Amino acid sequence: NTLKGGAAYNERYGNTLLHFQDFFEVVHPEPVKTLDRDAWQFSLGAMKVVMFRTMHYPDSSKSWKDSAYSVGLIIDNRVLFTGDTRFDPDLIHSAVKNYPIEAVFHDVQFYPGGVHAAFDQIKTLPTEIKKMTYLMHYPDTFQEKVSEVQQAGFAGFVEQHCYYDFE
C-alpha cells in the first residue's frame, strides 16, 4: 500500500482506482535447487533471472537462513550479482559450479564485521574467480584501495555510469 497514496488515482482513467497490475507486470518465479539455498527463477522477455537468498546482516548470523532478507541475481546464467551479502564462499562456489558464470559483481567493505563482504575475506577466493570479479557497493574512499585490489587479482571496481556488455 505504500505506493497507493501517490499513484492510486489517475485522471486518465476517469478517476478510477489504479491497482498494482497497472504499474507492474507480475511474474511468479519457480523454485530452483541449484544453489543449496532458497532460489527461484523467472524470465523477463528473453532474459532469464535466478534470484537467491544472501547472507546479509546481522554479522552474528551464521547463514543466509538466519540473516535479514536480501537477494542476489544470476542473469542469463552468466552474470552473478551478489546484492547485499557478507562473505559467503559457498554461494560463489555453488554459482560458479552450476552456471557458466563469466562475471561476478560482489559488494565489498574494507573492515571486518558489518553487512558486506570484508575485503580480507573475499580476497581468499580462487584466482580464476577473482579475475572475473568486479567489486561494488564500496566506500567513497575506494581510490585509496585501487592498487591493493589490483594486486589481489580482482577485475577491479565497478565503474559508475559504465555500461557492461556481456554479449
N, C-alpha and C. Protein backbone atom coordinates (compact mmCIF):
# COMPACT_ATOMS: atom_id res chain seq x y z
N ASN A 1 0.80 -1.22 0.00
CA ASN A 1 0.00 0.00 0.00
C ASN A 1 0.84 1.27 0.00
N THR A 2 2.15 1.17 0.06
CA THR A 2 2.99 2.36 0.12
C THR A 2 2.80 3.27 -1.08
N LEU A 3 2.70 2.70 -2.27
CA LEU A 3 2.56 3.50 -3.48
C LEU A 3 1.14 4.02 -3.69
N LYS A 4 0.20 3.46 -2.97
CA LYS A 4 -1.20 3.78 -3.19
C LYS A 4 -1.50 5.27 -3.04
N GLY A 5 -0.94 5.92 -2.04
CA GLY A 5 -1.24 7.32 -1.78
C GLY A 5 -0.95 8.22 -2.96
N GLY A 6 0.18 8.04 -3.62
CA GLY A 6 0.55 8.91 -4.72
C GLY A 6 0.21 8.38 -6.10
N ALA A 7 -0.19 7.13 -6.20
CA ALA A 7 -0.38 6.54 -7.52
C ALA A 7 -1.74 5.89 -7.73
N ALA A 8 -2.56 5.77 -6.73
CA ALA A 8 -3.80 5.02 -6.85
C ALA A 8 -4.83 5.70 -7.74
N TYR A 9 -4.90 7.02 -7.74
CA TYR A 9 -5.91 7.72 -8.53
C TYR A 9 -5.27 8.36 -9.75
N ASN A 10 -5.97 8.32 -10.87
CA ASN A 10 -5.40 8.83 -12.10
C ASN A 10 -6.51 9.40 -12.97
N GLU A 11 -6.36 10.64 -13.39
CA GLU A 11 -7.35 11.30 -14.22
C GLU A 11 -7.52 10.61 -15.56
N ARG A 12 -6.48 10.00 -16.07
CA ARG A 12 -6.51 9.36 -17.39
C ARG A 12 -7.60 8.30 -17.47
N TYR A 13 -7.88 7.65 -16.38
CA TYR A 13 -8.85 6.56 -16.38
C TYR A 13 -10.13 6.95 -15.64
N GLY A 14 -10.55 8.21 -15.77
CA GLY A 14 -11.81 8.65 -15.20
C GLY A 14 -11.84 8.62 -13.69
N ASN A 15 -10.72 8.96 -13.07
CA ASN A 15 -10.62 8.98 -11.61
C ASN A 15 -10.89 7.62 -10.97
N THR A 16 -10.67 6.55 -11.70
CA THR A 16 -10.84 5.22 -11.11
C THR A 16 -9.57 4.83 -10.37
N LEU A 17 -9.73 3.96 -9.43
CA LEU A 17 -8.61 3.48 -8.63
C LEU A 17 -7.71 2.57 -9.47
N LEU A 18 -6.41 2.87 -9.51
CA LEU A 18 -5.45 2.02 -10.20
C LEU A 18 -4.97 0.93 -9.24
N HIS A 19 -4.50 -0.17 -9.79
CA HIS A 19 -4.07 -1.32 -9.00
C HIS A 19 -2.61 -1.65 -9.30
N PHE A 20 -2.06 -2.52 -8.50
CA PHE A 20 -0.67 -2.95 -8.64
C PHE A 20 -0.36 -3.36 -10.08
N GLN A 21 -1.26 -4.14 -10.68
CA GLN A 21 -1.05 -4.66 -12.03
C GLN A 21 -1.03 -3.55 -13.09
N ASP A 22 -1.56 -2.36 -12.77
CA ASP A 22 -1.50 -1.25 -13.71
C ASP A 22 -0.09 -0.68 -13.82
N PHE A 23 0.76 -0.96 -12.85
CA PHE A 23 2.12 -0.41 -12.81
C PHE A 23 3.20 -1.46 -13.06
N PHE A 24 2.92 -2.70 -12.72
CA PHE A 24 3.92 -3.74 -12.76
C PHE A 24 3.39 -4.98 -13.44
N GLU A 25 4.29 -5.68 -14.14
CA GLU A 25 3.94 -6.99 -14.68
C GLU A 25 4.30 -8.02 -13.60
N VAL A 26 3.31 -8.71 -13.12
CA VAL A 26 3.53 -9.68 -12.06
C VAL A 26 4.05 -10.98 -12.65
N VAL A 27 5.16 -11.46 -12.13
CA VAL A 27 5.70 -12.76 -12.53
C VAL A 27 5.71 -13.67 -11.31
N HIS A 28 5.56 -14.94 -11.57
CA HIS A 28 5.56 -15.93 -10.49
C HIS A 28 6.78 -16.83 -10.66
N PRO A 29 7.83 -16.58 -9.88
CA PRO A 29 9.05 -17.38 -10.02
C PRO A 29 8.83 -18.84 -9.62
N GLU A 30 9.63 -19.69 -10.25
CA GLU A 30 9.61 -21.11 -9.93
C GLU A 30 10.84 -21.45 -9.09
N PRO A 31 10.68 -22.30 -8.08
CA PRO A 31 11.85 -22.67 -7.27
C PRO A 31 12.90 -23.42 -8.08
N VAL A 32 14.17 -23.19 -7.76
CA VAL A 32 15.28 -23.95 -8.35
C VAL A 32 16.13 -24.50 -7.22
N LYS A 33 16.80 -25.59 -7.47
CA LYS A 33 17.58 -26.28 -6.43
C LYS A 33 19.06 -26.30 -6.73
N THR A 34 19.57 -25.37 -7.53
CA THR A 34 20.97 -25.43 -7.97
C THR A 34 21.95 -24.75 -7.02
N LEU A 35 21.48 -24.02 -6.02
CA LEU A 35 22.40 -23.22 -5.21
C LEU A 35 22.44 -23.59 -3.72
N ASP A 36 21.85 -24.68 -3.31
CA ASP A 36 21.87 -25.11 -1.92
C ASP A 36 21.32 -24.04 -0.98
N ARG A 37 20.31 -23.31 -1.45
CA ARG A 37 19.65 -22.28 -0.65
C ARG A 37 18.35 -21.93 -1.36
N ASP A 38 17.51 -21.15 -0.72
CA ASP A 38 16.28 -20.73 -1.37
C ASP A 38 16.63 -19.94 -2.63
N ALA A 39 16.07 -20.37 -3.75
CA ALA A 39 16.33 -19.70 -5.03
C ALA A 39 15.13 -19.93 -5.95
N TRP A 40 14.90 -18.97 -6.82
CA TRP A 40 13.78 -19.01 -7.75
C TRP A 40 14.24 -18.49 -9.10
N GLN A 41 13.56 -18.90 -10.15
CA GLN A 41 13.89 -18.40 -11.48
C GLN A 41 12.65 -17.90 -12.18
N PHE A 42 12.86 -16.93 -13.06
CA PHE A 42 11.78 -16.39 -13.87
C PHE A 42 12.40 -15.76 -15.11
N SER A 43 11.57 -15.45 -16.08
CA SER A 43 12.04 -14.80 -17.30
C SER A 43 11.36 -13.45 -17.44
N LEU A 44 12.13 -12.49 -17.94
CA LEU A 44 11.61 -11.17 -18.31
C LEU A 44 11.96 -11.00 -19.78
N GLY A 45 11.00 -11.26 -20.64
CA GLY A 45 11.29 -11.28 -22.07
C GLY A 45 12.29 -12.38 -22.35
N ALA A 46 13.39 -12.03 -23.02
CA ALA A 46 14.42 -13.02 -23.35
C ALA A 46 15.42 -13.23 -22.22
N MET A 47 15.35 -12.43 -21.17
CA MET A 47 16.32 -12.52 -20.08
C MET A 47 15.84 -13.52 -19.02
N LYS A 48 16.74 -14.42 -18.64
CA LYS A 48 16.47 -15.39 -17.58
C LYS A 48 17.13 -14.90 -16.30
N VAL A 49 16.39 -14.93 -15.20
CA VAL A 49 16.90 -14.45 -13.92
C VAL A 49 16.72 -15.53 -12.86
N VAL A 50 17.80 -15.81 -12.14
CA VAL A 50 17.74 -16.65 -10.95
C VAL A 50 17.94 -15.71 -9.77
N MET A 51 17.03 -15.76 -8.83
CA MET A 51 17.06 -14.91 -7.64
C MET A 51 17.32 -15.82 -6.43
N PHE A 52 18.29 -15.47 -5.58
CA PHE A 52 18.66 -16.34 -4.47
C PHE A 52 18.85 -15.53 -3.19
N ARG A 53 18.68 -16.21 -2.07
CA ARG A 53 18.89 -15.57 -0.77
C ARG A 53 20.38 -15.36 -0.52
N THR A 54 20.70 -14.24 0.14
CA THR A 54 22.07 -13.95 0.52
C THR A 54 22.21 -13.90 2.04
N MET A 55 23.44 -13.94 2.49
CA MET A 55 23.74 -13.87 3.92
C MET A 55 24.07 -12.42 4.26
N HIS A 56 23.06 -11.68 4.67
CA HIS A 56 23.21 -10.24 4.90
C HIS A 56 23.52 -9.98 6.38
N TYR A 57 22.78 -9.15 7.04
CA TYR A 57 23.05 -8.81 8.44
C TYR A 57 22.07 -9.54 9.33
N PRO A 58 22.26 -9.65 10.60
CA PRO A 58 23.38 -9.11 11.37
C PRO A 58 24.64 -9.93 11.17
N ASP A 59 25.78 -9.34 11.51
CA ASP A 59 27.02 -10.08 11.29
C ASP A 59 27.17 -11.25 12.25
N SER A 60 26.25 -11.38 13.21
CA SER A 60 26.26 -12.54 14.10
C SER A 60 25.51 -13.73 13.50
N SER A 61 24.79 -13.53 12.40
CA SER A 61 24.06 -14.64 11.78
C SER A 61 25.07 -15.63 11.19
N LYS A 62 24.71 -16.88 11.25
CA LYS A 62 25.62 -17.94 10.80
C LYS A 62 25.39 -18.36 9.36
N SER A 63 24.23 -18.04 8.78
CA SER A 63 23.95 -18.44 7.41
C SER A 63 22.90 -17.52 6.81
N TRP A 64 22.56 -17.77 5.56
CA TRP A 64 21.51 -17.00 4.90
C TRP A 64 20.16 -17.22 5.56
N LYS A 65 19.98 -18.39 6.20
CA LYS A 65 18.69 -18.71 6.82
C LYS A 65 18.34 -17.80 7.99
N ASP A 66 19.34 -17.36 8.74
CA ASP A 66 19.05 -16.51 9.90
C ASP A 66 19.50 -15.06 9.70
N SER A 67 19.69 -14.68 8.44
CA SER A 67 20.05 -13.31 8.08
C SER A 67 18.80 -12.55 7.66
N ALA A 68 18.89 -11.23 7.67
CA ALA A 68 17.80 -10.41 7.15
C ALA A 68 17.60 -10.74 5.68
N TYR A 69 16.37 -10.62 5.23
CA TYR A 69 16.04 -10.98 3.85
C TYR A 69 16.76 -10.07 2.87
N SER A 70 17.50 -10.67 1.97
CA SER A 70 18.21 -9.97 0.90
C SER A 70 18.44 -10.98 -0.21
N VAL A 71 18.44 -10.51 -1.44
CA VAL A 71 18.61 -11.42 -2.57
C VAL A 71 19.69 -10.93 -3.51
N GLY A 72 20.26 -11.87 -4.23
CA GLY A 72 21.18 -11.61 -5.33
C GLY A 72 20.59 -12.21 -6.59
N LEU A 73 21.30 -12.02 -7.71
CA LEU A 73 20.77 -12.46 -9.00
C LEU A 73 21.85 -13.17 -9.82
N ILE A 74 21.41 -14.12 -10.62
CA ILE A 74 22.22 -14.66 -11.71
C ILE A 74 21.44 -14.32 -12.97
N ILE A 75 22.06 -13.56 -13.85
CA ILE A 75 21.39 -13.07 -15.04
C ILE A 75 21.87 -13.86 -16.25
N ASP A 76 20.91 -14.45 -16.96
CA ASP A 76 21.19 -15.27 -18.15
C ASP A 76 22.24 -16.34 -17.90
N ASN A 77 22.29 -16.86 -16.72
CA ASN A 77 23.23 -17.92 -16.32
C ASN A 77 24.68 -17.48 -16.40
N ARG A 78 24.97 -16.19 -16.65
CA ARG A 78 26.33 -15.75 -16.94
C ARG A 78 26.87 -14.71 -15.98
N VAL A 79 25.99 -13.91 -15.38
CA VAL A 79 26.44 -12.81 -14.54
C VAL A 79 25.89 -13.01 -13.14
N LEU A 80 26.79 -13.06 -12.17
CA LEU A 80 26.42 -13.21 -10.77
C LEU A 80 26.48 -11.84 -10.11
N PHE A 81 25.36 -11.40 -9.56
CA PHE A 81 25.25 -10.13 -8.84
C PHE A 81 24.86 -10.48 -7.42
N THR A 82 25.78 -10.27 -6.47
CA THR A 82 25.55 -10.76 -5.11
C THR A 82 24.54 -9.96 -4.32
N GLY A 83 24.24 -8.74 -4.73
CA GLY A 83 23.36 -7.92 -3.90
C GLY A 83 24.08 -7.60 -2.60
N ASP A 84 23.36 -7.60 -1.52
CA ASP A 84 23.96 -7.37 -0.20
C ASP A 84 24.26 -8.72 0.44
N THR A 85 25.52 -8.99 0.68
CA THR A 85 25.88 -10.23 1.35
C THR A 85 27.20 -10.05 2.08
N ARG A 86 27.33 -10.75 3.17
CA ARG A 86 28.64 -10.88 3.79
C ARG A 86 29.39 -11.96 3.02
N PHE A 87 30.62 -12.22 3.40
CA PHE A 87 31.40 -13.22 2.68
C PHE A 87 30.71 -14.57 2.80
N ASP A 88 30.39 -15.16 1.66
CA ASP A 88 29.66 -16.42 1.60
C ASP A 88 30.26 -17.27 0.49
N PRO A 89 31.43 -17.87 0.75
CA PRO A 89 32.11 -18.62 -0.31
C PRO A 89 31.27 -19.78 -0.86
N ASP A 90 30.41 -20.38 -0.03
CA ASP A 90 29.56 -21.46 -0.53
C ASP A 90 28.68 -20.99 -1.67
N LEU A 91 28.15 -19.78 -1.55
CA LEU A 91 27.32 -19.22 -2.61
C LEU A 91 28.11 -19.06 -3.90
N ILE A 92 29.29 -18.47 -3.80
CA ILE A 92 30.09 -18.20 -5.00
C ILE A 92 30.52 -19.51 -5.67
N HIS A 93 31.02 -20.44 -4.89
CA HIS A 93 31.47 -21.71 -5.45
C HIS A 93 30.31 -22.47 -6.09
N SER A 94 29.14 -22.45 -5.44
CA SER A 94 27.97 -23.14 -5.97
C SER A 94 27.51 -22.51 -7.28
N ALA A 95 27.51 -21.17 -7.34
CA ALA A 95 27.10 -20.48 -8.58
C ALA A 95 28.07 -20.80 -9.72
N VAL A 96 29.37 -20.73 -9.45
CA VAL A 96 30.37 -20.98 -10.49
C VAL A 96 30.35 -22.44 -10.93
N LYS A 97 30.05 -23.33 -10.01
CA LYS A 97 29.99 -24.76 -10.34
C LYS A 97 28.75 -25.09 -11.19
N ASN A 98 27.62 -24.45 -10.89
CA ASN A 98 26.35 -24.82 -11.52
C ASN A 98 25.92 -23.95 -12.70
N TYR A 99 26.62 -22.86 -12.94
CA TYR A 99 26.28 -21.95 -14.03
C TYR A 99 27.57 -21.53 -14.74
N PRO A 100 27.49 -21.24 -16.03
CA PRO A 100 28.69 -20.78 -16.76
C PRO A 100 28.94 -19.27 -16.51
N ILE A 101 29.28 -18.94 -15.28
CA ILE A 101 29.45 -17.55 -14.86
C ILE A 101 30.66 -16.93 -15.56
N GLU A 102 30.45 -15.75 -16.16
CA GLU A 102 31.51 -15.01 -16.85
C GLU A 102 31.96 -13.79 -16.07
N ALA A 103 31.08 -13.27 -15.21
CA ALA A 103 31.41 -12.08 -14.42
C ALA A 103 30.68 -12.13 -13.09
N VAL A 104 31.37 -11.66 -12.07
CA VAL A 104 30.80 -11.58 -10.72
C VAL A 104 30.84 -10.12 -10.29
N PHE A 105 29.71 -9.62 -9.82
CA PHE A 105 29.65 -8.28 -9.23
C PHE A 105 29.38 -8.51 -7.75
N HIS A 106 30.39 -8.19 -6.92
CA HIS A 106 30.33 -8.53 -5.49
C HIS A 106 30.53 -7.28 -4.65
N ASP A 107 29.68 -7.13 -3.64
CA ASP A 107 29.85 -5.99 -2.73
C ASP A 107 31.09 -6.22 -1.86
N VAL A 108 31.63 -5.12 -1.33
CA VAL A 108 32.87 -5.21 -0.55
C VAL A 108 32.92 -4.07 0.46
N GLN A 109 33.54 -4.34 1.57
CA GLN A 109 33.90 -3.30 2.54
C GLN A 109 35.32 -3.59 2.99
N PHE A 110 36.00 -2.58 3.50
CA PHE A 110 37.42 -2.72 3.84
C PHE A 110 37.66 -2.76 5.34
N TYR A 111 36.75 -3.38 6.06
CA TYR A 111 36.87 -3.60 7.50
C TYR A 111 36.07 -4.85 7.84
N PRO A 112 36.39 -5.51 8.94
CA PRO A 112 35.67 -6.74 9.31
C PRO A 112 34.31 -6.43 9.93
N GLY A 113 33.45 -7.44 9.95
CA GLY A 113 32.12 -7.26 10.53
C GLY A 113 31.22 -6.50 9.58
N GLY A 114 30.10 -6.05 10.07
CA GLY A 114 29.21 -5.25 9.24
C GLY A 114 28.30 -6.07 8.36
N VAL A 115 27.89 -5.47 7.24
CA VAL A 115 26.84 -6.07 6.43
C VAL A 115 27.29 -6.50 5.03
N HIS A 116 28.51 -6.23 4.66
CA HIS A 116 29.01 -6.61 3.33
C HIS A 116 30.24 -7.51 3.47
N ALA A 117 30.70 -8.04 2.34
CA ALA A 117 31.86 -8.93 2.36
C ALA A 117 33.12 -8.13 2.66
N ALA A 118 33.86 -8.56 3.66
CA ALA A 118 35.12 -7.90 4.01
C ALA A 118 36.19 -8.25 2.97
N PHE A 119 36.96 -7.26 2.55
CA PHE A 119 37.98 -7.46 1.53
C PHE A 119 38.98 -8.55 1.94
N ASP A 120 39.40 -8.55 3.19
CA ASP A 120 40.36 -9.57 3.64
C ASP A 120 39.81 -10.98 3.48
N GLN A 121 38.50 -11.13 3.51
CA GLN A 121 37.90 -12.44 3.30
C GLN A 121 37.72 -12.74 1.81
N ILE A 122 37.16 -11.79 1.09
CA ILE A 122 36.86 -12.04 -0.32
C ILE A 122 38.13 -12.26 -1.15
N LYS A 123 39.24 -11.69 -0.71
CA LYS A 123 40.47 -11.90 -1.47
C LYS A 123 41.02 -13.32 -1.33
N THR A 124 40.40 -14.16 -0.49
CA THR A 124 40.80 -15.56 -0.37
C THR A 124 40.15 -16.44 -1.44
N LEU A 125 39.28 -15.85 -2.27
CA LEU A 125 38.67 -16.63 -3.36
C LEU A 125 39.74 -17.11 -4.33
N PRO A 126 39.49 -18.18 -5.04
CA PRO A 126 40.46 -18.67 -6.03
C PRO A 126 40.74 -17.61 -7.11
N THR A 127 41.94 -17.65 -7.64
CA THR A 127 42.39 -16.69 -8.64
C THR A 127 41.43 -16.60 -9.82
N GLU A 128 40.94 -17.74 -10.34
CA GLU A 128 40.07 -17.71 -11.51
C GLU A 128 38.75 -16.99 -11.23
N ILE A 129 38.29 -17.01 -10.00
CA ILE A 129 37.07 -16.29 -9.64
C ILE A 129 37.38 -14.80 -9.46
N LYS A 130 38.49 -14.49 -8.80
CA LYS A 130 38.85 -13.08 -8.60
C LYS A 130 39.05 -12.36 -9.93
N LYS A 131 39.61 -13.03 -10.92
CA LYS A 131 39.87 -12.41 -12.23
C LYS A 131 38.59 -11.88 -12.89
N MET A 132 37.45 -12.51 -12.59
CA MET A 132 36.19 -12.07 -13.20
C MET A 132 35.29 -11.32 -12.22
N THR A 133 35.84 -10.95 -11.07
CA THR A 133 35.04 -10.29 -10.03
C THR A 133 35.28 -8.79 -9.99
N TYR A 134 34.19 -8.06 -10.14
CA TYR A 134 34.19 -6.60 -10.03
C TYR A 134 33.60 -6.25 -8.67
N LEU A 135 34.29 -5.40 -7.94
CA LEU A 135 33.84 -5.04 -6.60
C LEU A 135 32.91 -3.83 -6.66
N MET A 136 31.84 -3.89 -5.88
CA MET A 136 30.83 -2.83 -5.90
C MET A 136 30.39 -2.53 -4.47
N HIS A 137 29.52 -1.56 -4.34
CA HIS A 137 28.97 -1.17 -3.04
C HIS A 137 30.10 -0.80 -2.09
N TYR A 138 31.09 -0.14 -2.64
CA TYR A 138 32.32 0.19 -1.93
C TYR A 138 32.23 1.60 -1.34
N PRO A 139 33.16 1.96 -0.46
CA PRO A 139 33.10 3.28 0.18
C PRO A 139 33.59 4.39 -0.75
N ASP A 140 33.30 5.62 -0.38
CA ASP A 140 33.74 6.78 -1.16
C ASP A 140 35.26 6.88 -1.26
N THR A 141 35.95 6.26 -0.33
CA THR A 141 37.42 6.31 -0.30
C THR A 141 38.05 5.15 -1.09
N PHE A 142 37.29 4.55 -2.00
CA PHE A 142 37.76 3.37 -2.72
C PHE A 142 39.06 3.61 -3.48
N GLN A 143 39.31 4.83 -3.94
CA GLN A 143 40.51 5.09 -4.75
C GLN A 143 41.80 4.80 -3.98
N GLU A 144 41.72 4.86 -2.66
CA GLU A 144 42.89 4.51 -1.84
C GLU A 144 43.21 3.02 -1.91
N LYS A 145 42.27 2.23 -2.41
CA LYS A 145 42.42 0.76 -2.42
C LYS A 145 42.63 0.18 -3.81
N VAL A 146 42.71 1.02 -4.83
CA VAL A 146 42.81 0.52 -6.21
C VAL A 146 43.99 -0.42 -6.40
N SER A 147 45.18 -0.04 -5.97
CA SER A 147 46.34 -0.90 -6.19
C SER A 147 46.23 -2.20 -5.38
N GLU A 148 45.70 -2.13 -4.18
CA GLU A 148 45.52 -3.34 -3.37
C GLU A 148 44.55 -4.31 -4.04
N VAL A 149 43.49 -3.79 -4.62
CA VAL A 149 42.51 -4.62 -5.33
C VAL A 149 43.14 -5.23 -6.57
N GLN A 150 43.93 -4.44 -7.31
CA GLN A 150 44.61 -4.96 -8.50
C GLN A 150 45.62 -6.04 -8.12
N GLN A 151 46.41 -5.79 -7.07
CA GLN A 151 47.41 -6.77 -6.62
C GLN A 151 46.77 -8.07 -6.16
N ALA A 152 45.55 -7.98 -5.62
CA ALA A 152 44.86 -9.18 -5.16
C ALA A 152 44.29 -9.99 -6.32
N GLY A 153 44.28 -9.41 -7.53
CA GLY A 153 43.87 -10.15 -8.72
C GLY A 153 42.43 -9.96 -9.14
N PHE A 154 41.73 -8.97 -8.60
CA PHE A 154 40.35 -8.72 -8.98
C PHE A 154 40.28 -7.99 -10.32
N ALA A 155 39.12 -8.07 -10.97
CA ALA A 155 38.91 -7.36 -12.23
C ALA A 155 38.89 -5.85 -12.00
N GLY A 156 38.62 -5.43 -10.78
CA GLY A 156 38.62 -4.01 -10.44
C GLY A 156 37.34 -3.61 -9.74
N PHE A 157 37.15 -2.30 -9.60
CA PHE A 157 35.94 -1.75 -9.03
C PHE A 157 34.92 -1.51 -10.14
N VAL A 158 33.66 -1.70 -9.84
CA VAL A 158 32.61 -1.35 -10.79
C VAL A 158 32.67 0.16 -10.99
N GLU A 159 32.57 0.57 -12.25
CA GLU A 159 32.63 2.00 -12.56
C GLU A 159 31.24 2.59 -12.64
N GLN A 160 31.06 3.73 -12.00
CA GLN A 160 29.78 4.42 -12.03
C GLN A 160 29.49 4.90 -13.45
N HIS A 161 28.23 4.75 -13.87
CA HIS A 161 27.76 5.19 -15.18
C HIS A 161 28.43 4.45 -16.34
N CYS A 162 28.94 3.27 -16.09
CA CYS A 162 29.59 2.47 -17.12
C CYS A 162 28.65 1.34 -17.53
N TYR A 163 28.53 1.12 -18.82
CA TYR A 163 27.69 0.06 -19.37
C TYR A 163 28.56 -1.19 -19.54
N TYR A 164 28.14 -2.29 -18.93
CA TYR A 164 28.87 -3.56 -19.06
C TYR A 164 28.11 -4.44 -20.04
N ASP A 165 28.76 -4.83 -21.11
CA ASP A 165 28.14 -5.59 -22.18
C ASP A 165 28.65 -7.03 -22.12
N PHE A 166 27.74 -7.99 -21.98
CA PHE A 166 28.12 -9.39 -21.88
C PHE A 166 27.53 -10.20 -23.04
N GLU A 167 27.66 -9.66 -24.25
CA GLU A 167 27.14 -10.40 -25.41
C GLU A 167 28.16 -11.35 -25.93
